[in-house]
Every structure is written in C-alpha cells, then in structure tokens.
Amino acid sequence: MFAGEHAETAIRRALFGFSMSARQPGPYDSIARKWLALAERRRAHVIELRDSGRWKHYYTTDGLDEAMRKAARGRDAWVKVVGLPARDTDPSD
C-alpha cells in the first residue's frame, strides 16, 4: 500500500464512518433561541400594526411592505441559526 492510498482510506473512513445527520447542541443555542423569540415578537408587532391600521401613523404603504419583509427575513435568518425547519406559510399573513 502506498502512502497516498493510506491517506485516502483514512479520509474516507473519517468522512463516512459516522453520521452527521443529528445536530449537536452548542453552548450558544439558548442565546440564539432568545434572538429568534425577539425576531418573532418584532414580526408579530408589525403584523399587528398592519391588521389594526395603526401602521398609517408610522409607515407609508411601501415602508410597511419593507418592514414586513425585514421582519420576515430576520425571523428566517434566526430560524436557520437555531436549526428549526422553516415555515413556508404563516396563517397570520
């Protein structure tokens, strides 16, 4: 066996010898979940402004649309960090 073959076998063993399908908990998971909760509260607040009509005091129509997009993107970003599956649709939309 050549040295290159040994290294290649070791790499294959390292890559395929165990499953990485389960996400391991990290030391910052609780912090990421708190930021996700904050992003969800922000999104809920913008939705409440829209539904109640109070958005007219704070935003233009285009400004409200941008605030909705930013709140949704923020929530989606934290969902990815936390490792939760993303929701395709939200009943509140």
PDB file of N, CA and C in Angstrom:
ATOM      1  N   MET A   1       0.852  -1.169   0.000  1.00  0.00           N
ATOM      2  CA  MET A   1       0.000   0.000   0.000  1.00  0.00           C
ATOM      3  C   MET A   1       0.898   1.232   0.000  1.00  0.00           C
ATOM      4  N   PHE A   2       0.556   2.172  -0.857  1.00  0.00           N
ATOM      5  CA  PHE A   2       1.317   3.409  -0.932  1.00  0.00           C
ATOM      6  C   PHE A   2       0.821   4.403   0.120  1.00  0.00           C
ATOM      7  N   ALA A   3       1.663   5.390   0.401  1.00  0.00           N
ATOM      8  CA  ALA A   3       1.311   6.386   1.413  1.00  0.00           C
ATOM      9  C   ALA A   3       0.052   7.149   1.016  1.00  0.00           C
ATOM     10  N   GLY A   4      -0.108   7.455  -0.259  1.00  0.00           N
ATOM     11  CA  GLY A   4      -1.286   8.181  -0.736  1.00  0.00           C
ATOM     12  C   GLY A   4      -2.572   7.385  -0.572  1.00  0.00           C
ATOM     13  N   GLU A   5      -2.467   6.047  -0.779  1.00  0.00           N
ATOM     14  CA  GLU A   5      -3.632   5.195  -0.612  1.00  0.00           C
ATOM     15  C   GLU A   5      -4.053   5.137   0.849  1.00  0.00           C
ATOM     16  N   HIS A   6      -3.092   5.106   1.751  1.00  0.00           N
ATOM     17  CA  HIS A   6      -3.398   5.064   3.177  1.00  0.00           C
ATOM     18  C   HIS A   6      -4.118   6.353   3.605  1.00  0.00           C
ATOM     19  N   ALA A   7      -3.636   7.476   3.133  1.00  0.00           N
ATOM     20  CA  ALA A   7      -4.256   8.755   3.478  1.00  0.00           C
ATOM     21  C   ALA A   7      -5.672   8.821   2.912  1.00  0.00           C
ATOM     22  N   GLU A   8      -5.845   8.331   1.685  1.00  0.00           N
ATOM     23  CA  GLU A   8      -7.169   8.355   1.068  1.00  0.00           C
ATOM     24  C   GLU A   8      -8.140   7.471   1.851  1.00  0.00           C
ATOM     25  N   THR A   9      -7.688   6.296   2.291  1.00  0.00           N
ATOM     26  CA  THR A   9      -8.531   5.406   3.084  1.00  0.00           C
ATOM     27  C   THR A   9      -8.892   6.043   4.415  1.00  0.00           C
ATOM     28  N   ALA A  10      -7.938   6.707   5.036  1.00  0.00           N
ATOM     29  CA  ALA A  10      -8.202   7.368   6.314  1.00  0.00           C
ATOM     30  C   ALA A  10      -9.222   8.490   6.147  1.00  0.00           C
ATOM     31  N   ILE A  11      -9.117   9.215   5.047  1.00  0.00           N
ATOM     32  CA  ILE A  11     -10.068  10.298   4.786  1.00  0.00           C
ATOM     33  C   ILE A  11     -11.461   9.725   4.566  1.00  0.00           C
ATOM     34  N   ARG A  12     -11.556   8.665   3.773  1.00  0.00           N
ATOM     35  CA  ARG A  12     -12.869   8.041   3.546  1.00  0.00           C
ATOM     36  C   ARG A  12     -13.471   7.543   4.847  1.00  0.00           C
ATOM     37  N   ARG A  13     -12.656   6.929   5.685  1.00  0.00           N
ATOM     38  CA  ARG A  13     -13.128   6.418   6.968  1.00  0.00           C
ATOM     39  C   ARG A  13     -13.613   7.571   7.846  1.00  0.00           C
ATOM     40  N   ALA A  14     -12.876   8.658   7.837  1.00  0.00           N
ATOM     41  CA  ALA A  14     -13.254   9.817   8.650  1.00  0.00           C
ATOM     42  C   ALA A  14     -14.538  10.455   8.150  1.00  0.00           C
ATOM     43  N   LEU A  15     -14.700  10.516   6.824  1.00  0.00           N
ATOM     44  CA  LEU A  15     -15.882  11.169   6.273  1.00  0.00           C
ATOM     45  C   LEU A  15     -17.133  10.312   6.341  1.00  0.00           C
ATOM     46  N   PHE A  16     -16.995   9.032   6.118  1.00  0.00           N
ATOM     47  CA  PHE A  16     -18.163   8.173   6.004  1.00  0.00           C
ATOM     48  C   PHE A  16     -18.329   7.212   7.178  1.00  0.00           C
ATOM     49  N   GLY A  17     -17.485   7.302   8.160  1.00  0.00           N
ATOM     50  CA  GLY A  17     -17.554   6.369   9.281  1.00  0.00           C
ATOM     51  C   GLY A  17     -18.601   6.719  10.318  1.00  0.00           C
ATOM     52  N   PHE A  18     -19.153   7.918  10.251  1.00  0.00           N
ATOM     53  CA  PHE A  18     -20.164   8.300  11.218  1.00  0.00           C
ATOM     54  C   PHE A  18     -21.197   9.181  10.531  1.00  0.00           C
ATOM     55  N   SER A  19     -22.341   9.252  11.135  1.00  0.00           N
ATOM     56  CA  SER A  19     -23.429  10.038  10.565  1.00  0.00           C
ATOM     57  C   SER A  19     -23.458  11.419  11.212  1.00  0.00           C
ATOM     58  N   MET A  20     -23.633  12.433  10.382  1.00  0.00           N
ATOM     59  CA  MET A  20     -23.722  13.796  10.897  1.00  0.00           C
ATOM     60  C   MET A  20     -25.143  14.339  10.745  1.00  0.00           C
ATOM     61  N   SER A  21     -26.128  13.451  10.692  1.00  0.00           N
ATOM     62  CA  SER A  21     -27.486  13.906  10.444  1.00  0.00           C
ATOM     63  C   SER A  21     -28.095  14.624  11.641  1.00  0.00           C
ATOM     64  N   ALA A  22     -27.697  14.279  12.845  1.00  0.00           N
ATOM     65  CA  ALA A  22     -28.262  14.916  14.029  1.00  0.00           C
ATOM     66  C   ALA A  22     -27.413  16.117  14.434  1.00  0.00           C
ATOM     67  N   ARG A  23     -28.080  17.231  14.662  1.00  0.00           N
ATOM     68  CA  ARG A  23     -27.375  18.450  15.073  1.00  0.00           C
ATOM     69  C   ARG A  23     -27.032  18.345  16.548  1.00  0.00           C
ATOM     70  N   GLN A  24     -25.802  18.652  16.867  1.00  0.00           N
ATOM     71  CA  GLN A  24     -25.354  18.599  18.248  1.00  0.00           C
ATOM     72  C   GLN A  24     -25.648  19.943  18.930  1.00  0.00           C
ATOM     73  N   PRO A  25     -26.128  19.919  20.171  1.00  0.00           N
ATOM     74  CA  PRO A  25     -26.395  21.183  20.862  1.00  0.00           C
ATOM     75  C   PRO A  25     -25.096  21.933  21.142  1.00  0.00           C
ATOM     76  N   GLY A  26     -25.158  23.229  21.006  1.00  0.00           N
ATOM     77  CA  GLY A  26     -23.991  24.063  21.227  1.00  0.00           C
ATOM     78  C   GLY A  26     -24.172  24.950  22.442  1.00  0.00           C
ATOM     79  N   PRO A  27     -23.103  25.612  22.854  1.00  0.00           N
ATOM     80  CA  PRO A  27     -23.180  26.439  24.055  1.00  0.00           C
ATOM     81  C   PRO A  27     -24.009  27.711  23.862  1.00  0.00           C
ATOM     82  N   TYR A  28     -24.274  28.103  22.621  1.00  0.00           N
ATOM     83  CA  TYR A  28     -24.995  29.344  22.371  1.00  0.00           C
ATOM     84  C   TYR A  28     -26.424  29.120  21.884  1.00  0.00           C
ATOM     85  N   ASP A  29     -26.918  27.893  21.973  1.00  0.00           N
ATOM     86  CA  ASP A  29     -28.266  27.600  21.497  1.00  0.00           C
ATOM     87  C   ASP A  29     -29.326  28.406  22.234  1.00  0.00           C
ATOM     88  N   SER A  30     -29.193  28.559  23.531  1.00  0.00           N
ATOM     89  CA  SER A  30     -30.208  29.299  24.282  1.00  0.00           C
ATOM     90  C   SER A  30     -30.210  30.772  23.887  1.00  0.00           C
ATOM     91  N   ILE A  31     -29.042  31.317  23.596  1.00  0.00           N
ATOM     92  CA  ILE A  31     -28.962  32.713  23.169  1.00  0.00           C
ATOM     93  C   ILE A  31     -29.605  32.876  21.803  1.00  0.00           C
ATOM     94  N   ALA A  32     -29.341  31.952  20.891  1.00  0.00           N
ATOM     95  CA  ALA A  32     -29.930  32.018  19.554  1.00  0.00           C
ATOM     96  C   ALA A  32     -31.446  31.905  19.631  1.00  0.00           C
ATOM     97  N   ARG A  33     -31.952  31.066  20.531  1.00  0.00           N
ATOM     98  CA  ARG A  33     -33.404  30.933  20.689  1.00  0.00           C
ATOM     99  C   ARG A  33     -34.021  32.223  21.223  1.00  0.00           C
ATOM    100  N   LYS A  34     -33.313  32.928  22.088  1.00  0.00           N
ATOM    101  CA  LYS A  34     -33.817  34.211  22.602  1.00  0.00           C
ATOM    102  C   LYS A  34     -33.881  35.244  21.479  1.00  0.00           C
ATOM    103  N   TRP A  35     -32.869  35.269  20.611  1.00  0.00           N
ATOM    104  CA  TRP A  35     -32.893  36.194  19.475  1.00  0.00           C
ATOM    105  C   TRP A  35     -34.009  35.820  18.511  1.00  0.00           C
ATOM    106  N   LEU A  36     -34.249  34.517  18.341  1.00  0.00           N
ATOM    107  CA  LEU A  36     -35.361  34.081  17.493  1.00  0.00           C
ATOM    108  C   LEU A  36     -36.682  34.552  18.087  1.00  0.00           C
ATOM    109  N   ALA A  37     -36.841  34.427  19.392  1.00  0.00           N
ATOM    110  CA  ALA A  37     -38.074  34.885  20.039  1.00  0.00           C
ATOM    111  C   ALA A  37     -38.270  36.384  19.836  1.00  0.00           C
ATOM    112  N   LEU A  38     -37.188  37.151  19.934  1.00  0.00           N
ATOM    113  CA  LEU A  38     -37.272  38.587  19.702  1.00  0.00           C
ATOM    114  C   LEU A  38     -37.673  38.891  18.259  1.00  0.00           C
ATOM    115  N   ALA A  39     -37.103  38.173  17.300  1.00  0.00           N
ATOM    116  CA  ALA A  39     -37.452  38.371  15.890  1.00  0.00           C
ATOM    117  C   ALA A  39     -38.912  38.018  15.639  1.00  0.00           C
ATOM    118  N   GLU A  40     -39.403  36.985  16.300  1.00  0.00           N
ATOM    119  CA  GLU A  40     -40.813  36.606  16.147  1.00  0.00           C
ATOM    120  C   GLU A  40     -41.729  37.654  16.764  1.00  0.00           C
ATOM    121  N   ARG A  41     -41.335  38.229  17.904  1.00  0.00           N
ATOM    122  CA  ARG A  41     -42.141  39.295  18.519  1.00  0.00           C
ATOM    123  C   ARG A  41     -42.167  40.533  17.616  1.00  0.00           C
ATOM    124  N   ARG A  42     -41.037  40.850  17.021  1.00  0.00           N
ATOM    125  CA  ARG A  42     -40.977  42.001  16.115  1.00  0.00           C
ATOM    126  C   ARG A  42     -41.900  41.782  14.921  1.00  0.00           C
ATOM    127  N   ARG A  43     -41.849  40.589  14.363  1.00  0.00           N
ATOM    128  CA  ARG A  43     -42.711  40.270  13.218  1.00  0.00           C
ATOM    129  C   ARG A  43     -44.181  40.330  13.616  1.00  0.00           C
ATOM    130  N   ALA A  44     -44.511  39.802  14.793  1.00  0.00           N
ATOM    131  CA  ALA A  44     -45.891  39.843  15.275  1.00  0.00           C
ATOM    132  C   ALA A  44     -46.350  41.294  15.482  1.00  0.00           C
ATOM    133  N   HIS A  45     -45.442  42.136  15.951  1.00  0.00           N
ATOM    134  CA  HIS A  45     -45.775  43.544  16.160  1.00  0.00           C
ATOM    135  C   HIS A  45     -46.096  44.236  14.833  1.00  0.00           C
ATOM    136  N   VAL A  46     -45.296  43.985  13.814  1.00  0.00           N
ATOM    137  CA  VAL A  46     -45.549  44.601  12.509  1.00  0.00           C
ATOM    138  C   VAL A  46     -46.864  44.083  11.933  1.00  0.00           C
ATOM    139  N   ILE A  47     -47.146  42.809  12.117  1.00  0.00           N
ATOM    140  CA  ILE A  47     -48.418  42.240  11.646  1.00  0.00           C
ATOM    141  C   ILE A  47     -49.582  42.886  12.390  1.00  0.00           C
ATOM    142  N   GLU A  48     -49.438  43.092  13.692  1.00  0.00           N
ATOM    143  CA  GLU A  48     -50.483  43.748  14.485  1.00  0.00           C
ATOM    144  C   GLU A  48     -50.710  45.183  14.008  1.00  0.00           C
ATOM    145  N   LEU A  49     -49.628  45.903  13.711  1.00  0.00           N
ATOM    146  CA  LEU A  49     -49.765  47.260  13.167  1.00  0.00           C
ATOM    147  C   LEU A  49     -50.558  47.234  11.866  1.00  0.00           C
ATOM    148  N   ARG A  50     -50.224  46.283  11.010  1.00  0.00           N
ATOM    149  CA  ARG A  50     -50.912  46.166   9.723  1.00  0.00           C
ATOM    150  C   ARG A  50     -52.394  45.845   9.909  1.00  0.00           C
ATOM    151  N   ASP A  51     -52.681  44.868  10.763  1.00  0.00           N
ATOM    152  CA  ASP A  51     -54.060  44.420  10.939  1.00  0.00           C
ATOM    153  C   ASP A  51     -54.932  45.477  11.617  1.00  0.00           C
ATOM    154  N   SER A  52     -54.349  46.251  12.516  1.00  0.00           N
ATOM    155  CA  SER A  52     -55.134  47.243  13.253  1.00  0.00           C
ATOM    156  C   SER A  52     -55.282  48.562  12.491  1.00  0.00           C
ATOM    157  N   GLY A  53     -54.441  48.789  11.499  1.00  0.00           N
ATOM    158  CA  GLY A  53     -54.478  50.035  10.760  1.00  0.00           C
ATOM    159  C   GLY A  53     -53.586  51.118  11.355  1.00  0.00           C
ATOM    160  N   ARG A  54     -52.952  50.826  12.489  1.00  0.00           N
ATOM    161  CA  ARG A  54     -52.071  51.807  13.119  1.00  0.00           C
ATOM    162  C   ARG A  54     -50.804  52.057  12.315  1.00  0.00           C
ATOM    163  N   TRP A  55     -50.525  51.207  11.341  1.00  0.00           N
ATOM    164  CA  TRP A  55     -49.319  51.376  10.525  1.00  0.00           C
ATOM    165  C   TRP A  55     -49.307  52.721   9.820  1.00  0.00           C
ATOM    166  N   LYS A  56     -50.493  53.290   9.577  1.00  0.00           N
ATOM    167  CA  LYS A  56     -50.587  54.557   8.854  1.00  0.00           C
ATOM    168  C   LYS A  56     -49.958  55.712   9.639  1.00  0.00           C
ATOM    169  N   HIS A  57     -49.829  55.538  10.954  1.00  0.00           N
ATOM    170  CA  HIS A  57     -49.189  56.559  11.783  1.00  0.00           C
ATOM    171  C   HIS A  57     -47.663  56.505  11.687  1.00  0.00           C
ATOM    172  N   TYR A  58     -47.133  55.376  11.265  1.00  0.00           N
ATOM    173  CA  TYR A  58     -45.686  55.165  11.307  1.00  0.00           C
ATOM    174  C   TYR A  58     -45.040  54.935   9.942  1.00  0.00           C
ATOM    175  N   TYR A  59     -45.805  54.391   8.988  1.00  0.00           N
ATOM    176  CA  TYR A  59     -45.237  53.971   7.711  1.00  0.00           C
ATOM    177  C   TYR A  59     -46.057  54.479   6.542  1.00  0.00           C
ATOM    178  N   THR A  60     -45.412  54.545   5.393  1.00  0.00           N
ATOM    179  CA  THR A  60     -46.130  54.648   4.129  1.00  0.00           C
ATOM    180  C   THR A  60     -46.444  53.213   3.714  1.00  0.00           C
ATOM    181  N   THR A  61     -47.202  53.053   2.646  1.00  0.00           N
ATOM    182  CA  THR A  61     -47.516  51.696   2.171  1.00  0.00           C
ATOM    183  C   THR A  61     -46.236  50.944   1.823  1.00  0.00           C
ATOM    184  N   ASP A  62     -45.333  51.602   1.124  1.00  0.00           N
ATOM    185  CA  ASP A  62     -44.065  50.960   0.758  1.00  0.00           C
ATOM    186  C   ASP A  62     -43.216  50.685   2.001  1.00  0.00           C
ATOM    187  N   GLY A  63     -43.246  51.596   2.954  1.00  0.00           N
ATOM    188  CA  GLY A  63     -42.492  51.408   4.191  1.00  0.00           C
ATOM    189  C   GLY A  63     -42.997  50.220   5.000  1.00  0.00           C
ATOM    190  N   LEU A  64     -44.319  50.052   5.016  1.00  0.00           N
ATOM    191  CA  LEU A  64     -44.890  48.898   5.723  1.00  0.00           C
ATOM    192  C   LEU A  64     -44.485  47.602   5.035  1.00  0.00           C
ATOM    193  N   ASP A  65     -44.534  47.590   3.708  1.00  0.00           N
ATOM    194  CA  ASP A  65     -44.117  46.386   2.969  1.00  0.00           C
ATOM    195  C   ASP A  65     -42.663  46.043   3.285  1.00  0.00           C
ATOM    196  N   GLU A  66     -41.807  47.056   3.320  1.00  0.00           N
ATOM    197  CA  GLU A  66     -40.391  46.818   3.629  1.00  0.00           C
ATOM    198  C   GLU A  66     -40.221  46.332   5.069  1.00  0.00           C
ATOM    199  N   ALA A  67     -40.975  46.893   6.002  1.00  0.00           N
ATOM    200  CA  ALA A  67     -40.893  46.451   7.399  1.00  0.00           C
ATOM    201  C   ALA A  67     -41.337  44.995   7.527  1.00  0.00           C
ATOM    202  N   MET A  68     -42.380  44.614   6.789  1.00  0.00           N
ATOM    203  CA  MET A  68     -42.840  43.217   6.808  1.00  0.00           C
ATOM    204  C   MET A  68     -41.758  42.289   6.255  1.00  0.00           C
ATOM    205  N   ARG A  69     -41.139  42.697   5.151  1.00  0.00           N
ATOM    206  CA  ARG A  69     -40.078  41.859   4.563  1.00  0.00           C
ATOM    207  C   ARG A  69     -38.885  41.735   5.501  1.00  0.00           C
ATOM    208  N   LYS A  70     -38.479  42.853   6.106  1.00  0.00           N
ATOM    209  CA  LYS A  70     -37.329  42.821   7.018  1.00  0.00           C
ATOM    210  C   LYS A  70     -37.619  41.942   8.230  1.00  0.00           C
ATOM    211  N   ALA A  71     -38.834  42.040   8.765  1.00  0.00           N
ATOM    212  CA  ALA A  71     -39.191  41.221   9.924  1.00  0.00           C
ATOM    213  C   ALA A  71     -39.204  39.738   9.552  1.00  0.00           C
ATOM    214  N   ALA A  72     -39.716  39.414   8.377  1.00  0.00           N
ATOM    215  CA  ALA A  72     -39.748  38.022   7.931  1.00  0.00           C
ATOM    216  C   ALA A  72     -38.334  37.498   7.670  1.00  0.00           C
ATOM    217  N   ARG A  73     -37.488  38.312   7.029  1.00  0.00           N
ATOM    218  CA  ARG A  73     -36.104  37.882   6.761  1.00  0.00           C
ATOM    219  C   ARG A  73     -35.341  37.697   8.073  1.00  0.00           C
ATOM    220  N   GLY A  74     -35.566  38.579   9.019  1.00  0.00           N
ATOM    221  CA  GLY A  74     -34.899  38.443  10.318  1.00  0.00           C
ATOM    222  C   GLY A  74     -35.291  37.173  11.019  1.00  0.00           C
ATOM    223  N   ARG A  75     -36.571  36.868  11.018  1.00  0.00           N
ATOM    224  CA  ARG A  75     -37.036  35.636  11.644  1.00  0.00           C
ATOM    225  C   ARG A  75     -36.459  34.421  10.934  1.00  0.00           C
ATOM    226  N   ASP A  76     -36.489  34.435   9.609  1.00  0.00           N
ATOM    227  CA  ASP A  76     -35.972  33.300   8.847  1.00  0.00           C
ATOM    228  C   ASP A  76     -34.477  33.086   9.088  1.00  0.00           C
ATOM    229  N   ALA A  77     -33.738  34.169   9.229  1.00  0.00           N
ATOM    230  CA  ALA A  77     -32.302  34.044   9.499  1.00  0.00           C
ATOM    231  C   ALA A  77     -32.056  33.377  10.852  1.00  0.00           C
ATOM    232  N   TRP A  78     -32.822  33.781  11.864  1.00  0.00           N
ATOM    233  CA  TRP A  78     -32.632  33.171  13.183  1.00  0.00           C
ATOM    234  C   TRP A  78     -33.137  31.734  13.225  1.00  0.00           C
ATOM    235  N   VAL A  79     -34.149  31.409  12.421  1.00  0.00           N
ATOM    236  CA  VAL A  79     -34.605  30.015  12.331  1.00  0.00           C
ATOM    237  C   VAL A  79     -33.470  29.136  11.820  1.00  0.00           C
ATOM    238  N   LYS A  80     -32.731  29.628  10.829  1.00  0.00           N
ATOM    239  CA  LYS A  80     -31.601  28.858  10.295  1.00  0.00           C
ATOM    240  C   LYS A  80     -30.506  28.696  11.344  1.00  0.00           C
ATOM    241  N   VAL A  81     -30.229  29.743  12.095  1.00  0.00           N
ATOM    242  CA  VAL A  81     -29.186  29.670  13.127  1.00  0.00           C
ATOM    243  C   VAL A  81     -29.575  28.656  14.195  1.00  0.00           C
ATOM    244  N   VAL A  82     -30.835  28.691  14.600  1.00  0.00           N
ATOM    245  CA  VAL A  82     -31.306  27.780  15.644  1.00  0.00           C
ATOM    246  C   VAL A  82     -31.397  26.354  15.127  1.00  0.00           C
ATOM    247  N   GLY A  83     -31.676  26.206  13.834  1.00  0.00           N
ATOM    248  CA  GLY A  83     -31.742  24.873  13.243  1.00  0.00           C
ATOM    249  C   GLY A  83     -33.142  24.305  13.174  1.00  0.00           C
ATOM    250  N   LEU A  84     -34.152  25.155  13.226  1.00  0.00           N
ATOM    251  CA  LEU A  84     -35.535  24.703  13.108  1.00  0.00           C
ATOM    252  C   LEU A  84     -35.938  24.674  11.642  1.00  0.00           C
ATOM    253  N   PRO A  85     -36.904  23.849  11.299  1.00  0.00           N
ATOM    254  CA  PRO A  85     -37.393  23.872   9.918  1.00  0.00           C
ATOM    255  C   PRO A  85     -38.160  25.160   9.659  1.00  0.00           C
ATOM    256  N   ALA A  86     -37.976  25.734   8.492  1.00  0.00           N
ATOM    257  CA  ALA A  86     -38.649  26.982   8.136  1.00  0.00           C
ATOM    258  C   ALA A  86     -40.093  26.701   7.786  1.00  0.00           C
ATOM    259  N   ARG A  87     -40.983  27.611   8.184  1.00  0.00           N
ATOM    260  CA  ARG A  87     -42.394  27.504   7.816  1.00  0.00           C
ATOM    261  C   ARG A  87     -42.572  28.179   6.468  1.00  0.00           C
ATOM    262  N   ASP A  88     -43.266  27.491   5.560  1.00  0.00           N
ATOM    263  CA  ASP A  88     -43.492  28.062   4.235  1.00  0.00           C
ATOM    264  C   ASP A  88     -44.534  29.167   4.277  1.00  0.00           C
ATOM    265  N   THR A  89     -45.602  28.930   5.011  1.00  0.00           N
ATOM    266  CA  THR A  89     -46.650  29.934   5.102  1.00  0.00           C
ATOM    267  C   THR A  89     -46.985  30.165   6.551  1.00  0.00           C
ATOM    268  N   ASP A  90     -47.515  31.339   6.808  1.00  0.00           N
ATOM    269  CA  ASP A  90     -47.905  31.711   8.159  1.00  0.00           C
ATOM    270  C   ASP A  90     -49.373  32.104   8.119  1.00  0.00           C
ATOM    271  N   PRO A  91     -50.205  31.537   8.985  1.00  0.00           N
ATOM    272  CA  PRO A  91     -51.640  31.832   8.934  1.00  0.00           C
ATOM    273  C   PRO A  91     -51.940  33.297   9.209  1.00  0.00           C
ATOM    274  N   SER A  92     -51.025  34.042   9.821  1.00  0.00           N
ATOM    275  CA  SER A  92     -51.301  35.439  10.132  1.00  0.00           C
ATOM    276  C   SER A  92     -51.076  36.357   8.940  1.00  0.00           C
ATOM    277  N   ASP A  93     -50.505  35.847   7.843  1.00  0.00           N
ATOM    278  CA  ASP A  93     -50.260  36.683   6.660  1.00  0.00           C
ATOM    279  C   ASP A  93     -51.501  36.839   5.830  1.00  0.00           C
TER     280      ASP A  93
END
